[in-house]
Amino acid sequence: MNKPSANTYLLLALLIMIILFVSSSMTYHQQTSVPFLEKYFANKPFDQFLSRFSFQYANETISINKIGYFKFFEFFIRKGAHFTIYLGLGGFLAAGLKARLQNAFLTLTICSLAAIGYAALDEFHQMITGDRTPLFQDVILDGIGAMLGVCCVVLLSLKRKKGR
């Protein structure tokens, strides 16, 4: 089986960026998963267990008592999506650019900064979209995901080189 080309990875990174742009153009009410959760998780699984947890995120208390079961559950879905989509973006950027940059440190630096820069622009885009809350904490979360994606690609690439 043939390995995808560097351009394929860059196209996948571009696709993620388009998805992020479209998603950021939508209001919270257009993309909330609360109605779905209310319909399919009406019995509130793990309610007793999850009710014990409370923490701060962006100067807001996140707990079932404060925001309700379904918004609490949605919080983890949304933040998991932030992390995962930027993990993919960072990984695809690194996979697409590592051969062109031909230097692990340069690949780590450029791809991480590009993904974090896009995360910051995405939060800015949310700021000018109605009914959205741009958060610096989300840029940090996105950046961690992106850097992990970049690091995985670079480390796997270095491991393959060493194995040859």
N, C-alpha and C. Protein backbone atom coordinates (compact mmCIF):
# COMPACT_ATOMS: atom_id res chain seq x y z
N MET A 1 0.84 -1.19 0.00
CA MET A 1 0.00 0.00 0.00
C MET A 1 0.88 1.25 0.00
N ASN A 2 0.55 2.19 -0.87
CA ASN A 2 1.33 3.41 -0.99
C ASN A 2 1.03 4.38 0.13
N LYS A 3 2.06 5.07 0.56
CA LYS A 3 1.92 6.10 1.59
C LYS A 3 1.35 7.36 0.92
N PRO A 4 0.41 8.05 1.59
CA PRO A 4 -0.13 9.28 1.01
C PRO A 4 0.98 10.32 0.80
N SER A 5 0.80 11.16 -0.20
CA SER A 5 1.81 12.18 -0.49
C SER A 5 1.72 13.32 0.52
N ALA A 6 2.77 14.12 0.56
CA ALA A 6 2.79 15.29 1.45
C ALA A 6 1.64 16.23 1.12
N ASN A 7 1.32 16.36 -0.16
CA ASN A 7 0.22 17.23 -0.56
C ASN A 7 -1.13 16.72 -0.05
N THR A 8 -1.29 15.42 0.04
CA THR A 8 -2.52 14.84 0.59
C THR A 8 -2.68 15.28 2.04
N TYR A 9 -1.60 15.22 2.81
CA TYR A 9 -1.65 15.65 4.21
C TYR A 9 -1.96 17.14 4.33
N LEU A 10 -1.39 17.92 3.44
CA LEU A 10 -1.67 19.37 3.47
C LEU A 10 -3.12 19.65 3.09
N LEU A 11 -3.67 18.88 2.16
CA LEU A 11 -5.09 19.03 1.81
C LEU A 11 -5.98 18.65 2.99
N LEU A 12 -5.59 17.63 3.74
CA LEU A 12 -6.35 17.25 4.93
C LEU A 12 -6.29 18.36 5.99
N ALA A 13 -5.12 18.98 6.14
CA ALA A 13 -4.99 20.11 7.07
C ALA A 13 -5.88 21.27 6.62
N LEU A 14 -5.91 21.53 5.32
CA LEU A 14 -6.77 22.58 4.78
C LEU A 14 -8.24 22.25 5.02
N LEU A 15 -8.61 21.00 4.85
CA LEU A 15 -9.99 20.57 5.11
C LEU A 15 -10.37 20.82 6.57
N ILE A 16 -9.48 20.51 7.49
CA ILE A 16 -9.73 20.77 8.90
C ILE A 16 -9.91 22.27 9.13
N MET A 17 -9.08 23.08 8.50
CA MET A 17 -9.18 24.53 8.67
C MET A 17 -10.52 25.04 8.14
N ILE A 18 -11.00 24.49 7.05
CA ILE A 18 -12.30 24.88 6.50
C ILE A 18 -13.42 24.48 7.47
N ILE A 19 -13.34 23.26 7.99
CA ILE A 19 -14.33 22.80 8.96
C ILE A 19 -14.35 23.71 10.18
N LEU A 20 -13.17 24.07 10.66
CA LEU A 20 -13.08 24.96 11.82
C LEU A 20 -13.68 26.33 11.51
N PHE A 21 -13.41 26.85 10.32
CA PHE A 21 -13.95 28.15 9.94
C PHE A 21 -15.48 28.11 9.91
N VAL A 22 -16.03 27.08 9.29
CA VAL A 22 -17.49 26.94 9.20
C VAL A 22 -18.08 26.80 10.60
N SER A 23 -17.45 25.98 11.43
CA SER A 23 -17.92 25.77 12.79
C SER A 23 -17.90 27.07 13.60
N SER A 24 -16.84 27.85 13.43
CA SER A 24 -16.74 29.13 14.14
C SER A 24 -17.74 30.16 13.64
N SER A 25 -18.26 29.95 12.44
CA SER A 25 -19.25 30.87 11.88
C SER A 25 -20.64 30.61 12.45
N MET A 26 -20.81 29.47 13.11
CA MET A 26 -22.10 29.11 13.66
C MET A 26 -22.23 29.61 15.10
N THR A 27 -23.44 29.99 15.47
CA THR A 27 -23.68 30.41 16.85
C THR A 27 -23.71 29.18 17.74
N TYR A 28 -23.62 29.41 19.04
CA TYR A 28 -23.68 28.30 19.99
C TYR A 28 -24.99 27.53 19.82
N HIS A 29 -26.08 28.25 19.65
CA HIS A 29 -27.39 27.60 19.54
C HIS A 29 -27.52 26.75 18.27
N GLN A 30 -26.76 27.08 17.24
CA GLN A 30 -26.79 26.28 16.01
C GLN A 30 -26.01 24.98 16.15
N GLN A 31 -25.08 24.93 17.10
CA GLN A 31 -24.24 23.74 17.19
C GLN A 31 -24.28 23.03 18.54
N THR A 32 -25.14 23.47 19.43
CA THR A 32 -25.20 22.82 20.74
C THR A 32 -25.66 21.37 20.62
N SER A 33 -25.10 20.53 21.45
CA SER A 33 -25.49 19.12 21.47
C SER A 33 -26.43 18.81 22.63
N VAL A 34 -26.82 19.83 23.39
CA VAL A 34 -27.68 19.62 24.55
C VAL A 34 -29.01 18.95 24.19
N PRO A 35 -29.73 19.38 23.14
CA PRO A 35 -30.98 18.68 22.81
C PRO A 35 -30.77 17.19 22.50
N PHE A 36 -29.71 16.87 21.80
CA PHE A 36 -29.37 15.47 21.50
C PHE A 36 -29.12 14.71 22.81
N LEU A 37 -28.32 15.30 23.68
CA LEU A 37 -28.00 14.65 24.95
C LEU A 37 -29.26 14.46 25.80
N GLU A 38 -30.12 15.47 25.82
CA GLU A 38 -31.37 15.37 26.59
C GLU A 38 -32.25 14.24 26.06
N LYS A 39 -32.24 14.06 24.75
CA LYS A 39 -33.09 13.03 24.14
C LYS A 39 -32.53 11.63 24.37
N TYR A 40 -31.23 11.44 24.16
CA TYR A 40 -30.66 10.11 24.18
C TYR A 40 -29.99 9.72 25.51
N PHE A 41 -29.81 10.67 26.40
CA PHE A 41 -29.23 10.38 27.71
C PHE A 41 -30.12 10.92 28.82
N ALA A 42 -31.44 10.83 28.61
CA ALA A 42 -32.41 11.38 29.56
C ALA A 42 -32.26 10.76 30.95
N ASN A 43 -31.76 9.52 31.03
CA ASN A 43 -31.59 8.88 32.33
C ASN A 43 -30.34 9.37 33.07
N LYS A 44 -29.60 10.28 32.46
CA LYS A 44 -28.41 10.90 33.06
C LYS A 44 -27.42 9.87 33.63
N PRO A 45 -26.82 9.07 32.77
CA PRO A 45 -25.85 8.09 33.27
C PRO A 45 -24.68 8.77 33.98
N PHE A 46 -24.22 8.17 35.03
CA PHE A 46 -23.07 8.65 35.83
C PHE A 46 -23.35 9.96 36.56
N ASP A 47 -24.61 10.35 36.69
CA ASP A 47 -24.96 11.61 37.34
C ASP A 47 -24.40 11.68 38.76
N GLN A 48 -24.59 10.65 39.54
CA GLN A 48 -24.10 10.63 40.93
C GLN A 48 -22.58 10.79 40.96
N PHE A 49 -21.90 10.05 40.12
CA PHE A 49 -20.44 10.10 40.08
C PHE A 49 -19.94 11.48 39.64
N LEU A 50 -20.50 11.99 38.54
CA LEU A 50 -20.05 13.27 37.98
C LEU A 50 -20.41 14.46 38.86
N SER A 51 -21.45 14.33 39.68
CA SER A 51 -21.87 15.43 40.56
C SER A 51 -20.80 15.80 41.58
N ARG A 52 -19.85 14.93 41.81
CA ARG A 52 -18.77 15.19 42.78
C ARG A 52 -17.71 16.14 42.24
N PHE A 53 -17.70 16.37 40.92
CA PHE A 53 -16.62 17.13 40.30
C PHE A 53 -17.02 18.58 40.05
N SER A 54 -16.08 19.46 40.32
CA SER A 54 -16.25 20.89 40.09
C SER A 54 -14.87 21.49 39.85
N PHE A 55 -14.76 22.36 38.85
CA PHE A 55 -13.47 22.99 38.58
C PHE A 55 -13.70 24.33 37.88
N GLN A 56 -12.64 25.09 37.74
CA GLN A 56 -12.70 26.39 37.09
C GLN A 56 -12.14 26.28 35.67
N TYR A 57 -12.84 26.89 34.73
CA TYR A 57 -12.35 27.01 33.36
C TYR A 57 -12.75 28.39 32.87
N ALA A 58 -11.77 29.20 32.54
CA ALA A 58 -12.02 30.56 32.06
C ALA A 58 -12.86 31.36 33.07
N ASN A 59 -12.46 31.29 34.34
CA ASN A 59 -13.13 32.01 35.43
C ASN A 59 -14.59 31.63 35.61
N GLU A 60 -14.97 30.46 35.15
CA GLU A 60 -16.33 29.97 35.32
C GLU A 60 -16.28 28.62 36.02
N THR A 61 -17.17 28.42 36.97
CA THR A 61 -17.24 27.13 37.64
C THR A 61 -17.97 26.14 36.73
N ILE A 62 -17.32 25.02 36.51
CA ILE A 62 -17.90 23.96 35.69
C ILE A 62 -18.26 22.81 36.63
N SER A 63 -19.55 22.61 36.81
CA SER A 63 -20.05 21.52 37.65
C SER A 63 -21.50 21.26 37.26
N ILE A 64 -21.97 20.09 37.60
CA ILE A 64 -23.37 19.76 37.32
C ILE A 64 -24.28 20.69 38.12
N ASN A 65 -23.90 20.98 39.37
CA ASN A 65 -24.73 21.87 40.20
C ASN A 65 -24.83 23.27 39.62
N LYS A 66 -23.76 23.73 38.99
CA LYS A 66 -23.73 25.11 38.47
C LYS A 66 -24.35 25.23 37.08
N ILE A 67 -24.01 24.32 36.15
CA ILE A 67 -24.47 24.49 34.77
C ILE A 67 -25.44 23.41 34.30
N GLY A 68 -25.66 22.40 35.13
CA GLY A 68 -26.59 21.33 34.77
C GLY A 68 -25.88 20.15 34.12
N TYR A 69 -26.52 19.00 34.20
CA TYR A 69 -25.93 17.75 33.74
C TYR A 69 -25.56 17.80 32.26
N PHE A 70 -26.49 18.23 31.41
CA PHE A 70 -26.27 18.15 29.97
C PHE A 70 -25.24 19.16 29.49
N LYS A 71 -25.20 20.34 30.06
CA LYS A 71 -24.16 21.31 29.68
C LYS A 71 -22.80 20.87 30.20
N PHE A 72 -22.79 20.23 31.36
CA PHE A 72 -21.55 19.68 31.91
C PHE A 72 -20.99 18.61 30.96
N PHE A 73 -21.85 17.71 30.53
CA PHE A 73 -21.48 16.65 29.59
C PHE A 73 -21.02 17.27 28.26
N GLU A 74 -21.76 18.25 27.78
CA GLU A 74 -21.42 18.92 26.52
C GLU A 74 -20.07 19.63 26.62
N PHE A 75 -19.75 20.18 27.78
CA PHE A 75 -18.47 20.86 27.98
C PHE A 75 -17.32 19.92 27.60
N PHE A 76 -17.38 18.68 28.06
CA PHE A 76 -16.30 17.72 27.77
C PHE A 76 -16.30 17.31 26.30
N ILE A 77 -17.46 17.22 25.70
CA ILE A 77 -17.53 16.91 24.27
C ILE A 77 -16.88 18.03 23.47
N ARG A 78 -17.23 19.27 23.80
CA ARG A 78 -16.71 20.42 23.05
C ARG A 78 -15.20 20.58 23.24
N LYS A 79 -14.73 20.44 24.47
CA LYS A 79 -13.29 20.60 24.71
C LYS A 79 -12.51 19.43 24.13
N GLY A 80 -13.10 18.24 24.17
CA GLY A 80 -12.46 17.09 23.53
C GLY A 80 -12.37 17.28 22.03
N ALA A 81 -13.40 17.88 21.45
CA ALA A 81 -13.39 18.17 20.01
C ALA A 81 -12.32 19.21 19.69
N HIS A 82 -12.20 20.25 20.53
CA HIS A 82 -11.14 21.25 20.34
C HIS A 82 -9.79 20.56 20.28
N PHE A 83 -9.50 19.77 21.30
CA PHE A 83 -8.21 19.11 21.41
C PHE A 83 -7.95 18.19 20.22
N THR A 84 -8.93 17.37 19.88
CA THR A 84 -8.77 16.36 18.84
C THR A 84 -8.61 16.97 17.45
N ILE A 85 -9.41 17.98 17.13
CA ILE A 85 -9.33 18.57 15.79
C ILE A 85 -7.99 19.27 15.59
N TYR A 86 -7.47 19.91 16.64
CA TYR A 86 -6.17 20.55 16.52
C TYR A 86 -5.02 19.54 16.57
N LEU A 87 -5.23 18.42 17.23
CA LEU A 87 -4.26 17.33 17.16
C LEU A 87 -4.13 16.89 15.70
N GLY A 88 -5.26 16.74 15.03
CA GLY A 88 -5.25 16.38 13.61
C GLY A 88 -4.62 17.45 12.75
N LEU A 89 -4.96 18.70 13.00
CA LEU A 89 -4.39 19.80 12.22
C LEU A 89 -2.87 19.83 12.35
N GLY A 90 -2.38 19.76 13.58
CA GLY A 90 -0.93 19.77 13.79
C GLY A 90 -0.26 18.57 13.15
N GLY A 91 -0.86 17.40 13.30
CA GLY A 91 -0.29 16.19 12.72
C GLY A 91 -0.24 16.24 11.21
N PHE A 92 -1.35 16.69 10.58
CA PHE A 92 -1.37 16.77 9.12
C PHE A 92 -0.41 17.83 8.59
N LEU A 93 -0.31 18.96 9.29
CA LEU A 93 0.67 19.98 8.87
C LEU A 93 2.08 19.42 8.93
N ALA A 94 2.39 18.74 10.02
CA ALA A 94 3.74 18.18 10.17
C ALA A 94 4.00 17.10 9.12
N ALA A 95 3.03 16.24 8.88
CA ALA A 95 3.21 15.18 7.88
C ALA A 95 3.37 15.77 6.48
N GLY A 96 2.70 16.89 6.24
CA GLY A 96 2.79 17.52 4.93
C GLY A 96 4.03 18.35 4.72
N LEU A 97 4.60 18.86 5.79
CA LEU A 97 5.74 19.78 5.64
C LEU A 97 7.09 19.19 6.04
N LYS A 98 7.11 18.07 6.74
CA LYS A 98 8.40 17.55 7.26
C LYS A 98 9.40 17.27 6.15
N ALA A 99 8.95 16.74 5.03
CA ALA A 99 9.88 16.45 3.93
C ALA A 99 10.40 17.74 3.31
N ARG A 100 9.55 18.75 3.24
CA ARG A 100 9.98 20.03 2.66
C ARG A 100 10.92 20.78 3.59
N LEU A 101 10.67 20.70 4.89
CA LEU A 101 11.50 21.42 5.86
C LEU A 101 12.78 20.67 6.18
N GLN A 102 12.75 19.35 6.11
CA GLN A 102 13.91 18.47 6.31
C GLN A 102 14.69 18.71 7.60
N ASN A 103 13.98 19.15 8.62
CA ASN A 103 14.62 19.39 9.91
C ASN A 103 13.54 19.22 10.98
N ALA A 104 13.79 18.33 11.95
CA ALA A 104 12.78 18.03 12.97
C ALA A 104 12.43 19.26 13.80
N PHE A 105 13.44 20.02 14.21
CA PHE A 105 13.17 21.21 15.04
C PHE A 105 12.38 22.25 14.26
N LEU A 106 12.74 22.46 13.01
CA LEU A 106 12.02 23.41 12.16
C LEU A 106 10.57 22.96 11.95
N THR A 107 10.38 21.68 11.73
CA THR A 107 9.03 21.14 11.56
C THR A 107 8.21 21.35 12.83
N LEU A 108 8.81 21.01 13.98
CA LEU A 108 8.12 21.22 15.26
C LEU A 108 7.72 22.68 15.44
N THR A 109 8.65 23.56 15.19
CA THR A 109 8.42 24.99 15.43
C THR A 109 7.38 25.57 14.47
N ILE A 110 7.60 25.40 13.18
CA ILE A 110 6.72 26.02 12.19
C ILE A 110 5.31 25.45 12.26
N CYS A 111 5.19 24.15 12.35
CA CYS A 111 3.86 23.54 12.36
C CYS A 111 3.10 23.86 13.64
N SER A 112 3.80 23.86 14.77
CA SER A 112 3.15 24.21 16.04
C SER A 112 2.69 25.66 16.02
N LEU A 113 3.56 26.56 15.58
CA LEU A 113 3.19 27.98 15.54
C LEU A 113 2.05 28.25 14.55
N ALA A 114 2.08 27.55 13.42
CA ALA A 114 1.01 27.74 12.44
C ALA A 114 -0.33 27.28 13.00
N ALA A 115 -0.35 26.13 13.66
CA ALA A 115 -1.61 25.62 14.23
C ALA A 115 -2.09 26.49 15.38
N ILE A 116 -1.18 26.95 16.23
CA ILE A 116 -1.56 27.81 17.35
C ILE A 116 -2.03 29.17 16.81
N GLY A 117 -1.38 29.66 15.79
CA GLY A 117 -1.83 30.91 15.15
C GLY A 117 -3.23 30.76 14.58
N TYR A 118 -3.50 29.62 13.97
CA TYR A 118 -4.85 29.39 13.44
C TYR A 118 -5.87 29.29 14.58
N ALA A 119 -5.47 28.68 15.70
CA ALA A 119 -6.37 28.60 16.86
C ALA A 119 -6.72 30.00 17.36
N ALA A 120 -5.71 30.88 17.40
CA ALA A 120 -5.97 32.26 17.84
C ALA A 120 -6.89 32.98 16.86
N LEU A 121 -6.66 32.79 15.57
CA LEU A 121 -7.55 33.40 14.56
C LEU A 121 -8.97 32.83 14.65
N ASP A 122 -9.06 31.55 14.96
CA ASP A 122 -10.37 30.91 15.12
C ASP A 122 -11.13 31.53 16.30
N GLU A 123 -10.45 31.77 17.39
CA GLU A 123 -11.10 32.42 18.55
C GLU A 123 -11.49 33.86 18.21
N PHE A 124 -10.64 34.55 17.44
CA PHE A 124 -11.00 35.90 16.99
C PHE A 124 -12.25 35.85 16.13
N HIS A 125 -12.33 34.87 15.24
CA HIS A 125 -13.50 34.70 14.39
C HIS A 125 -14.74 34.46 15.24
N GLN A 126 -14.59 33.69 16.31
CA GLN A 126 -15.72 33.48 17.21
C GLN A 126 -16.16 34.78 17.88
N MET A 127 -15.17 35.64 18.15
CA MET A 127 -15.48 36.92 18.80
C MET A 127 -16.39 37.78 17.93
N ILE A 128 -16.22 37.71 16.62
CA ILE A 128 -17.05 38.54 15.74
C ILE A 128 -18.31 37.81 15.27
N THR A 129 -18.46 36.56 15.72
CA THR A 129 -19.67 35.79 15.43
C THR A 129 -20.60 35.96 16.63
N GLY A 130 -21.86 36.16 16.38
CA GLY A 130 -22.81 36.32 17.47
C GLY A 130 -22.95 35.08 18.33
N ASP A 131 -23.27 35.28 19.59
CA ASP A 131 -23.59 34.19 20.51
C ASP A 131 -22.44 33.19 20.67
N ARG A 132 -21.20 33.68 20.63
CA ARG A 132 -20.03 32.81 20.85
C ARG A 132 -19.15 33.47 21.90
N THR A 133 -18.38 32.65 22.60
CA THR A 133 -17.48 33.16 23.62
C THR A 133 -16.05 32.76 23.27
N PRO A 134 -15.26 33.70 22.77
CA PRO A 134 -13.86 33.38 22.48
C PRO A 134 -13.09 33.28 23.80
N LEU A 135 -12.27 32.26 23.92
CA LEU A 135 -11.53 32.06 25.16
C LEU A 135 -10.05 31.81 24.89
N PHE A 136 -9.20 32.51 25.61
CA PHE A 136 -7.77 32.29 25.53
C PHE A 136 -7.44 30.85 25.96
N GLN A 137 -8.20 30.36 26.94
CA GLN A 137 -7.99 28.99 27.42
C GLN A 137 -8.21 27.97 26.29
N ASP A 138 -9.13 28.27 25.37
CA ASP A 138 -9.33 27.37 24.23
C ASP A 138 -8.13 27.38 23.29
N VAL A 139 -7.50 28.54 23.14
CA VAL A 139 -6.29 28.60 22.30
C VAL A 139 -5.20 27.73 22.93
N ILE A 140 -5.09 27.76 24.25
CA ILE A 140 -4.10 26.93 24.94
C ILE A 140 -4.42 25.44 24.73
N LEU A 141 -5.69 25.08 24.92
CA LEU A 141 -6.11 23.70 24.72
C LEU A 141 -5.85 23.25 23.27
N ASP A 142 -6.22 24.10 22.32
CA ASP A 142 -5.98 23.81 20.91
C ASP A 142 -4.48 23.66 20.64
N GLY A 143 -3.70 24.55 21.21
CA GLY A 143 -2.25 24.52 21.02
C GLY A 143 -1.61 23.26 21.56
N ILE A 144 -2.09 22.80 22.70
CA ILE A 144 -1.56 21.56 23.27
C ILE A 144 -1.89 20.39 22.35
N GLY A 145 -3.11 20.36 21.86
CA GLY A 145 -3.50 19.30 20.91
C GLY A 145 -2.65 19.35 19.65
N ALA A 146 -2.47 20.55 19.10
CA ALA A 146 -1.67 20.71 17.88
C ALA A 146 -0.22 20.28 18.10
N MET A 147 0.36 20.71 19.20
CA MET A 147 1.76 20.36 19.47
C MET A 147 1.92 18.86 19.68
N LEU A 148 0.94 18.22 20.30
CA LEU A 148 1.00 16.77 20.46
C LEU A 148 0.95 16.08 19.09
N GLY A 149 0.08 16.56 18.21
CA GLY A 149 0.00 16.00 16.86
C GLY A 149 1.31 16.17 16.10
N VAL A 150 1.88 17.35 16.19
CA VAL A 150 3.17 17.62 15.52
C VAL A 150 4.26 16.73 16.11
N CYS A 151 4.32 16.66 17.43
CA CYS A 151 5.35 15.85 18.09
C CYS A 151 5.24 14.37 17.70
N CYS A 152 4.03 13.85 17.65
CA CYS A 152 3.83 12.45 17.26
C CYS A 152 4.37 12.18 15.87
N VAL A 153 4.05 13.06 14.94
CA VAL A 153 4.52 12.88 13.56
C VAL A 153 6.04 12.97 13.48
N VAL A 154 6.61 13.96 14.15
CA VAL A 154 8.06 14.14 14.10
C VAL A 154 8.77 12.96 14.77
N LEU A 155 8.28 12.53 15.92
CA LEU A 155 8.91 11.41 16.61
C LEU A 155 8.80 10.11 15.81
N LEU A 156 7.64 9.86 15.21
CA LEU A 156 7.50 8.67 14.36
C LEU A 156 8.43 8.74 13.15
N SER A 157 8.57 9.93 12.59
CA SER A 157 9.46 10.11 11.45
C SER A 157 10.92 9.85 11.85
N LEU A 158 11.31 10.36 13.00
CA LEU A 158 12.69 10.15 13.48
C LEU A 158 12.93 8.68 13.79
N LYS A 159 11.92 8.02 14.35
CA LYS A 159 12.04 6.60 14.67
C LYS A 159 12.20 5.77 13.39
N ARG A 160 11.44 6.11 12.36
CA ARG A 160 11.55 5.40 11.08
C ARG A 160 12.93 5.60 10.46
N LYS A 161 13.44 6.86 10.53
CA LYS A 161 14.77 7.14 9.98
C LYS A 161 15.84 6.32 10.71
N LYS A 162 15.70 6.27 12.04
CA LYS A 162 16.68 5.54 12.84
C LYS A 162 16.63 4.05 12.54
N GLY A 163 15.43 3.53 12.27
CA GLY A 163 15.25 2.11 11.96
C GLY A 163 15.84 1.71 10.62
N ARG A 164 16.01 2.65 9.72
CA ARG A 164 16.56 2.33 8.39
C ARG A 164 18.02 2.22 8.41
